[in-house]
Amino acid sequence: MCAEKLQRLLMAIVLTLSMALTAYGYAPYGMILQGFVILMIVVWAIKDFCPSLWVFKKLFGTCPQK
């Protein structure tokens, strides 16, 4: 699996976990987790740097161009 796909999959898993925490009564933890994801996306948008994508590219390589 390549870095970009793995990063999107991880983001979906973390957001699902955040939603589940909120639904099961752990709303503060769910909101903290969701806030962290939002912060990382804002950093990625402003600085054009995503820490998780950077690590995944080093470990798994980039996706081949279509």
PDB file of N, CA and C in Angstrom:
ATOM      1  N   MET A   1       0.860  -1.172   0.000  1.00  0.00           N
ATOM      2  CA  MET A   1       0.000   0.000   0.000  1.00  0.00           C
ATOM      3  C   MET A   1       0.902   1.230   0.000  1.00  0.00           C
ATOM      4  N   CYS A   2       0.488   2.259  -0.700  1.00  0.00           N
ATOM      5  CA  CYS A   2       1.303   3.456  -0.815  1.00  0.00           C
ATOM      6  C   CYS A   2       0.900   4.502   0.229  1.00  0.00           C
ATOM      7  N   ALA A   3       1.745   5.490   0.397  1.00  0.00           N
ATOM      8  CA  ALA A   3       1.612   6.464   1.484  1.00  0.00           C
ATOM      9  C   ALA A   3       0.309   7.253   1.420  1.00  0.00           C
ATOM     10  N   GLU A   4      -0.063   7.741   0.262  1.00  0.00           N
ATOM     11  CA  GLU A   4      -1.250   8.587   0.148  1.00  0.00           C
ATOM     12  C   GLU A   4      -2.524   7.832   0.505  1.00  0.00           C
ATOM     13  N   LYS A   5      -2.639   6.612   0.015  1.00  0.00           N
ATOM     14  CA  LYS A   5      -3.822   5.802   0.321  1.00  0.00           C
ATOM     15  C   LYS A   5      -3.849   5.417   1.796  1.00  0.00           C
ATOM     16  N   LEU A   6      -2.707   5.093   2.342  1.00  0.00           N
ATOM     17  CA  LEU A   6      -2.627   4.730   3.742  1.00  0.00           C
ATOM     18  C   LEU A   6      -2.983   5.919   4.635  1.00  0.00           C
ATOM     19  N   GLN A   7      -2.556   7.113   4.263  1.00  0.00           N
ATOM     20  CA  GLN A   7      -2.871   8.308   5.045  1.00  0.00           C
ATOM     21  C   GLN A   7      -4.366   8.605   5.029  1.00  0.00           C
ATOM     22  N   ARG A   8      -5.003   8.461   3.878  1.00  0.00           N
ATOM     23  CA  ARG A   8      -6.452   8.681   3.792  1.00  0.00           C
ATOM     24  C   ARG A   8      -7.213   7.626   4.585  1.00  0.00           C
ATOM     25  N   LEU A   9      -6.748   6.390   4.532  1.00  0.00           N
ATOM     26  CA  LEU A   9      -7.370   5.316   5.302  1.00  0.00           C
ATOM     27  C   LEU A   9      -7.223   5.569   6.807  1.00  0.00           C
ATOM     28  N   LEU A  10      -6.051   5.988   7.231  1.00  0.00           N
ATOM     29  CA  LEU A  10      -5.830   6.295   8.639  1.00  0.00           C
ATOM     30  C   LEU A  10      -6.709   7.459   9.095  1.00  0.00           C
ATOM     31  N   MET A  11      -6.851   8.478   8.254  1.00  0.00           N
ATOM     32  CA  MET A  11      -7.710   9.611   8.599  1.00  0.00           C
ATOM     33  C   MET A  11      -9.160   9.154   8.760  1.00  0.00           C
ATOM     34  N   ALA A  12      -9.619   8.288   7.894  1.00  0.00           N
ATOM     35  CA  ALA A  12     -10.984   7.768   8.002  1.00  0.00           C
ATOM     36  C   ALA A  12     -11.165   6.956   9.281  1.00  0.00           C
ATOM     37  N   ILE A  13     -10.174   6.158   9.643  1.00  0.00           N
ATOM     38  CA  ILE A  13     -10.253   5.356  10.860  1.00  0.00           C
ATOM     39  C   ILE A  13     -10.278   6.255  12.093  1.00  0.00           C
ATOM     40  N   VAL A  14      -9.442   7.271  12.121  1.00  0.00           N
ATOM     41  CA  VAL A  14      -9.398   8.172  13.272  1.00  0.00           C
ATOM     42  C   VAL A  14     -10.707   8.947  13.398  1.00  0.00           C
ATOM     43  N   LEU A  15     -11.264   9.413  12.288  1.00  0.00           N
ATOM     44  CA  LEU A  15     -12.539  10.121  12.343  1.00  0.00           C
ATOM     45  C   LEU A  15     -13.679   9.189  12.767  1.00  0.00           C
ATOM     46  N   THR A  16     -13.643   7.937  12.345  1.00  0.00           N
ATOM     47  CA  THR A  16     -14.640   6.964  12.773  1.00  0.00           C
ATOM     48  C   THR A  16     -14.521   6.696  14.271  1.00  0.00           C
ATOM     49  N   LEU A  17     -13.303   6.578  14.757  1.00  0.00           N
ATOM     50  CA  LEU A  17     -13.078   6.391  16.187  1.00  0.00           C
ATOM     51  C   LEU A  17     -13.591   7.602  16.975  1.00  0.00           C
ATOM     52  N   SER A  18     -13.362   8.790  16.452  1.00  0.00           N
ATOM     53  CA  SER A  18     -13.861  10.005  17.091  1.00  0.00           C
ATOM     54  C   SER A  18     -15.387  10.003  17.156  1.00  0.00           C
ATOM     55  N   MET A  19     -16.023   9.611  16.071  1.00  0.00           N
ATOM     56  CA  MET A  19     -17.481   9.544  16.035  1.00  0.00           C
ATOM     57  C   MET A  19     -18.006   8.494  17.018  1.00  0.00           C
ATOM     58  N   ALA A  20     -17.329   7.355  17.104  1.00  0.00           N
ATOM     59  CA  ALA A  20     -17.750   6.301  18.027  1.00  0.00           C
ATOM     60  C   ALA A  20     -17.584   6.741  19.477  1.00  0.00           C
ATOM     61  N   LEU A  21     -16.490   7.408  19.788  1.00  0.00           N
ATOM     62  CA  LEU A  21     -16.300   7.907  21.148  1.00  0.00           C
ATOM     63  C   LEU A  21     -17.401   8.882  21.532  1.00  0.00           C
ATOM     64  N   THR A  22     -17.742   9.765  20.614  1.00  0.00           N
ATOM     65  CA  THR A  22     -18.808  10.729  20.874  1.00  0.00           C
ATOM     66  C   THR A  22     -20.148  10.015  21.061  1.00  0.00           C
ATOM     67  N   ALA A  23     -20.430   9.033  20.240  1.00  0.00           N
ATOM     68  CA  ALA A  23     -21.707   8.322  20.312  1.00  0.00           C
ATOM     69  C   ALA A  23     -21.850   7.507  21.593  1.00  0.00           C
ATOM     70  N   TYR A  24     -20.732   6.972  22.109  1.00  0.00           N
ATOM     71  CA  TYR A  24     -20.799   6.130  23.302  1.00  0.00           C
ATOM     72  C   TYR A  24     -20.622   6.908  24.599  1.00  0.00           C
ATOM     73  N   GLY A  25     -20.726   8.231  24.523  1.00  0.00           N
ATOM     74  CA  GLY A  25     -20.711   9.029  25.738  1.00  0.00           C
ATOM     75  C   GLY A  25     -19.367   9.590  26.142  1.00  0.00           C
ATOM     76  N   TYR A  26     -18.364   9.425  25.326  1.00  0.00           N
ATOM     77  CA  TYR A  26     -17.048   9.985  25.605  1.00  0.00           C
ATOM     78  C   TYR A  26     -16.804  11.199  24.715  1.00  0.00           C
ATOM     79  N   ALA A  27     -17.766  12.098  24.713  1.00  0.00           N
ATOM     80  CA  ALA A  27     -17.738  13.255  23.816  1.00  0.00           C
ATOM     81  C   ALA A  27     -16.472  14.106  23.959  1.00  0.00           C
ATOM     82  N   PRO A  28     -15.980  14.378  25.170  1.00  0.00           N
ATOM     83  CA  PRO A  28     -14.760  15.196  25.256  1.00  0.00           C
ATOM     84  C   PRO A  28     -13.569  14.562  24.528  1.00  0.00           C
ATOM     85  N   TYR A  29     -13.430  13.244  24.666  1.00  0.00           N
ATOM     86  CA  TYR A  29     -12.323  12.569  23.980  1.00  0.00           C
ATOM     87  C   TYR A  29     -12.529  12.547  22.469  1.00  0.00           C
ATOM     88  N   GLY A  30     -13.755  12.354  22.045  1.00  0.00           N
ATOM     89  CA  GLY A  30     -14.061  12.385  20.619  1.00  0.00           C
ATOM     90  C   GLY A  30     -13.797  13.751  20.009  1.00  0.00           C
ATOM     91  N   MET A  31     -14.157  14.800  20.745  1.00  0.00           N
ATOM     92  CA  MET A  31     -13.933  16.162  20.248  1.00  0.00           C
ATOM     93  C   MET A  31     -12.446  16.503  20.206  1.00  0.00           C
ATOM     94  N   ILE A  32     -11.693  16.028  21.193  1.00  0.00           N
ATOM     95  CA  ILE A  32     -10.242  16.262  21.186  1.00  0.00           C
ATOM     96  C   ILE A  32      -9.604  15.572  19.985  1.00  0.00           C
ATOM     97  N   LEU A  33     -10.002  14.341  19.741  1.00  0.00           N
ATOM     98  CA  LEU A  33      -9.463  13.597  18.602  1.00  0.00           C
ATOM     99  C   LEU A  33      -9.834  14.259  17.283  1.00  0.00           C
ATOM    100  N   GLN A  34     -11.078  14.689  17.166  1.00  0.00           N
ATOM    101  CA  GLN A  34     -11.514  15.361  15.949  1.00  0.00           C
ATOM    102  C   GLN A  34     -10.796  16.700  15.789  1.00  0.00           C
ATOM    103  N   GLY A  35     -10.607  17.424  16.873  1.00  0.00           N
ATOM    104  CA  GLY A  35      -9.873  18.683  16.819  1.00  0.00           C
ATOM    105  C   GLY A  35      -8.441  18.490  16.359  1.00  0.00           C
ATOM    106  N   PHE A  36      -7.818  17.381  16.803  1.00  0.00           N
ATOM    107  CA  PHE A  36      -6.460  17.079  16.358  1.00  0.00           C
ATOM    108  C   PHE A  36      -6.408  16.843  14.851  1.00  0.00           C
ATOM    109  N   VAL A  37      -7.361  16.086  14.329  1.00  0.00           N
ATOM    110  CA  VAL A  37      -7.408  15.826  12.886  1.00  0.00           C
ATOM    111  C   VAL A  37      -7.616  17.131  12.120  1.00  0.00           C
ATOM    112  N   ILE A  38      -8.506  17.978  12.599  1.00  0.00           N
ATOM    113  CA  ILE A  38      -8.759  19.264  11.951  1.00  0.00           C
ATOM    114  C   ILE A  38      -7.497  20.118  11.969  1.00  0.00           C
ATOM    115  N   LEU A  39      -6.806  20.149  13.103  1.00  0.00           N
ATOM    116  CA  LEU A  39      -5.570  20.920  13.202  1.00  0.00           C
ATOM    117  C   LEU A  39      -4.532  20.434  12.195  1.00  0.00           C
ATOM    118  N   MET A  40      -4.392  19.121  12.065  1.00  0.00           N
ATOM    119  CA  MET A  40      -3.425  18.570  11.109  1.00  0.00           C
ATOM    120  C   MET A  40      -3.795  18.925   9.674  1.00  0.00           C
ATOM    121  N   ILE A  41      -5.084  18.932   9.351  1.00  0.00           N
ATOM    122  CA  ILE A  41      -5.514  19.287   7.995  1.00  0.00           C
ATOM    123  C   ILE A  41      -5.258  20.762   7.730  1.00  0.00           C
ATOM    124  N   VAL A  42      -5.478  21.619   8.736  1.00  0.00           N
ATOM    125  CA  VAL A  42      -5.206  23.054   8.577  1.00  0.00           C
ATOM    126  C   VAL A  42      -3.713  23.292   8.384  1.00  0.00           C
ATOM    127  N   VAL A  43      -2.877  22.612   9.159  1.00  0.00           N
ATOM    128  CA  VAL A  43      -1.421  22.733   8.983  1.00  0.00           C
ATOM    129  C   VAL A  43      -1.031  22.282   7.584  1.00  0.00           C
ATOM    130  N   TRP A  44      -1.617  21.188   7.124  1.00  0.00           N
ATOM    131  CA  TRP A  44      -1.340  20.673   5.781  1.00  0.00           C
ATOM    132  C   TRP A  44      -1.750  21.689   4.717  1.00  0.00           C
ATOM    133  N   ALA A  45      -2.880  22.355   4.912  1.00  0.00           N
ATOM    134  CA  ALA A  45      -3.356  23.334   3.939  1.00  0.00           C
ATOM    135  C   ALA A  45      -2.482  24.586   3.919  1.00  0.00           C
ATOM    136  N   ILE A  46      -2.067  25.046   5.089  1.00  0.00           N
ATOM    137  CA  ILE A  46      -1.299  26.293   5.158  1.00  0.00           C
ATOM    138  C   ILE A  46       0.165  26.081   4.781  1.00  0.00           C
ATOM    139  N   LYS A  47       0.778  25.080   5.355  1.00  0.00           N
ATOM    140  CA  LYS A  47       2.221  24.849   5.162  1.00  0.00           C
ATOM    141  C   LYS A  47       2.536  23.875   4.026  1.00  0.00           C
ATOM    142  N   ASP A  48       1.523  23.202   3.482  1.00  0.00           N
ATOM    143  CA  ASP A  48       1.709  22.157   2.481  1.00  0.00           C
ATOM    144  C   ASP A  48       2.651  21.072   3.008  1.00  0.00           C
ATOM    145  N   PHE A  49       2.464  20.730   4.284  1.00  0.00           N
ATOM    146  CA  PHE A  49       3.254  19.693   4.939  1.00  0.00           C
ATOM    147  C   PHE A  49       2.349  18.889   5.853  1.00  0.00           C
ATOM    148  N   CYS A  50       2.306  17.596   5.644  1.00  0.00           N
ATOM    149  CA  CYS A  50       1.511  16.704   6.487  1.00  0.00           C
ATOM    150  C   CYS A  50       2.475  15.726   7.166  1.00  0.00           C
ATOM    151  N   PRO A  51       2.605  15.811   8.496  1.00  0.00           N
ATOM    152  CA  PRO A  51       3.567  14.936   9.181  1.00  0.00           C
ATOM    153  C   PRO A  51       3.332  13.449   8.947  1.00  0.00           C
ATOM    154  N   SER A  52       2.075  13.007   8.975  1.00  0.00           N
ATOM    155  CA  SER A  52       1.834  11.576   8.777  1.00  0.00           C
ATOM    156  C   SER A  52       2.169  11.154   7.342  1.00  0.00           C
ATOM    157  N   LEU A  53       1.869  11.996   6.390  1.00  0.00           N
ATOM    158  CA  LEU A  53       2.199  11.677   4.998  1.00  0.00           C
ATOM    159  C   LEU A  53       3.712  11.626   4.804  1.00  0.00           C
ATOM    160  N   TRP A  54       4.419  12.508   5.467  1.00  0.00           N
ATOM    161  CA  TRP A  54       5.880  12.531   5.388  1.00  0.00           C
ATOM    162  C   TRP A  54       6.466  11.216   5.913  1.00  0.00           C
ATOM    163  N   VAL A  55       5.959  10.751   7.061  1.00  0.00           N
ATOM    164  CA  VAL A  55       6.438   9.499   7.647  1.00  0.00           C
ATOM    165  C   VAL A  55       6.066   8.317   6.752  1.00  0.00           C
ATOM    166  N   PHE A  56       4.823   8.285   6.276  1.00  0.00           N
ATOM    167  CA  PHE A  56       4.390   7.172   5.429  1.00  0.00           C
ATOM    168  C   PHE A  56       5.163   7.116   4.116  1.00  0.00           C
ATOM    169  N   LYS A  57       5.523   8.277   3.553  1.00  0.00           N
ATOM    170  CA  LYS A  57       6.320   8.273   2.320  1.00  0.00           C
ATOM    171  C   LYS A  57       7.688   7.661   2.564  1.00  0.00           C
ATOM    172  N   LYS A  58       8.263   7.915   3.730  1.00  0.00           N
ATOM    173  CA  LYS A  58       9.562   7.335   4.060  1.00  0.00           C
ATOM    174  C   LYS A  58       9.451   5.815   4.253  1.00  0.00           C
ATOM    175  N   LEU A  59       8.333   5.370   4.846  1.00  0.00           N
ATOM    176  CA  LEU A  59       8.189   3.945   5.144  1.00  0.00           C
ATOM    177  C   LEU A  59       7.677   3.132   3.953  1.00  0.00           C
ATOM    178  N   PHE A  60       6.694   3.680   3.214  1.00  0.00           N
ATOM    179  CA  PHE A  60       6.009   2.889   2.182  1.00  0.00           C
ATOM    180  C   PHE A  60       6.218   3.379   0.760  1.00  0.00           C
ATOM    181  N   GLY A  61       6.726   4.595   0.583  1.00  0.00           N
ATOM    182  CA  GLY A  61       6.891   5.149  -0.759  1.00  0.00           C
ATOM    183  C   GLY A  61       5.618   5.779  -1.265  1.00  0.00           C
ATOM    184  N   THR A  62       5.718   6.493  -2.364  1.00  0.00           N
ATOM    185  CA  THR A  62       4.563   7.190  -2.924  1.00  0.00           C
ATOM    186  C   THR A  62       3.798   6.298  -3.885  1.00  0.00           C
ATOM    187  N   CYS A  63       2.580   6.692  -4.183  1.00  0.00           N
ATOM    188  CA  CYS A  63       1.755   5.948  -5.131  1.00  0.00           C
ATOM    189  C   CYS A  63       2.264   6.190  -6.547  1.00  0.00           C
ATOM    190  N   PRO A  64       2.211   5.175  -7.401  1.00  0.00           N
ATOM    191  CA  PRO A  64       2.596   5.382  -8.798  1.00  0.00           C
ATOM    192  C   PRO A  64       1.601   6.306  -9.492  1.00  0.00           C
ATOM    193  N   GLN A  65       2.109   7.144 -10.389  1.00  0.00           N
ATOM    194  CA  GLN A  65       1.249   8.069 -11.130  1.00  0.00           C
ATOM    195  C   GLN A  65       0.452   7.295 -12.171  1.00  0.00           C
ATOM    196  N   LYS A  66      -0.798   7.724 -12.348  1.00  0.00           N
ATOM    197  CA  LYS A  66      -1.668   7.064 -13.330  1.00  0.00           C
ATOM    198  C   LYS A  66      -1.507   7.685 -14.679  1.00  0.00           C
TER     199      LYS A  66
END
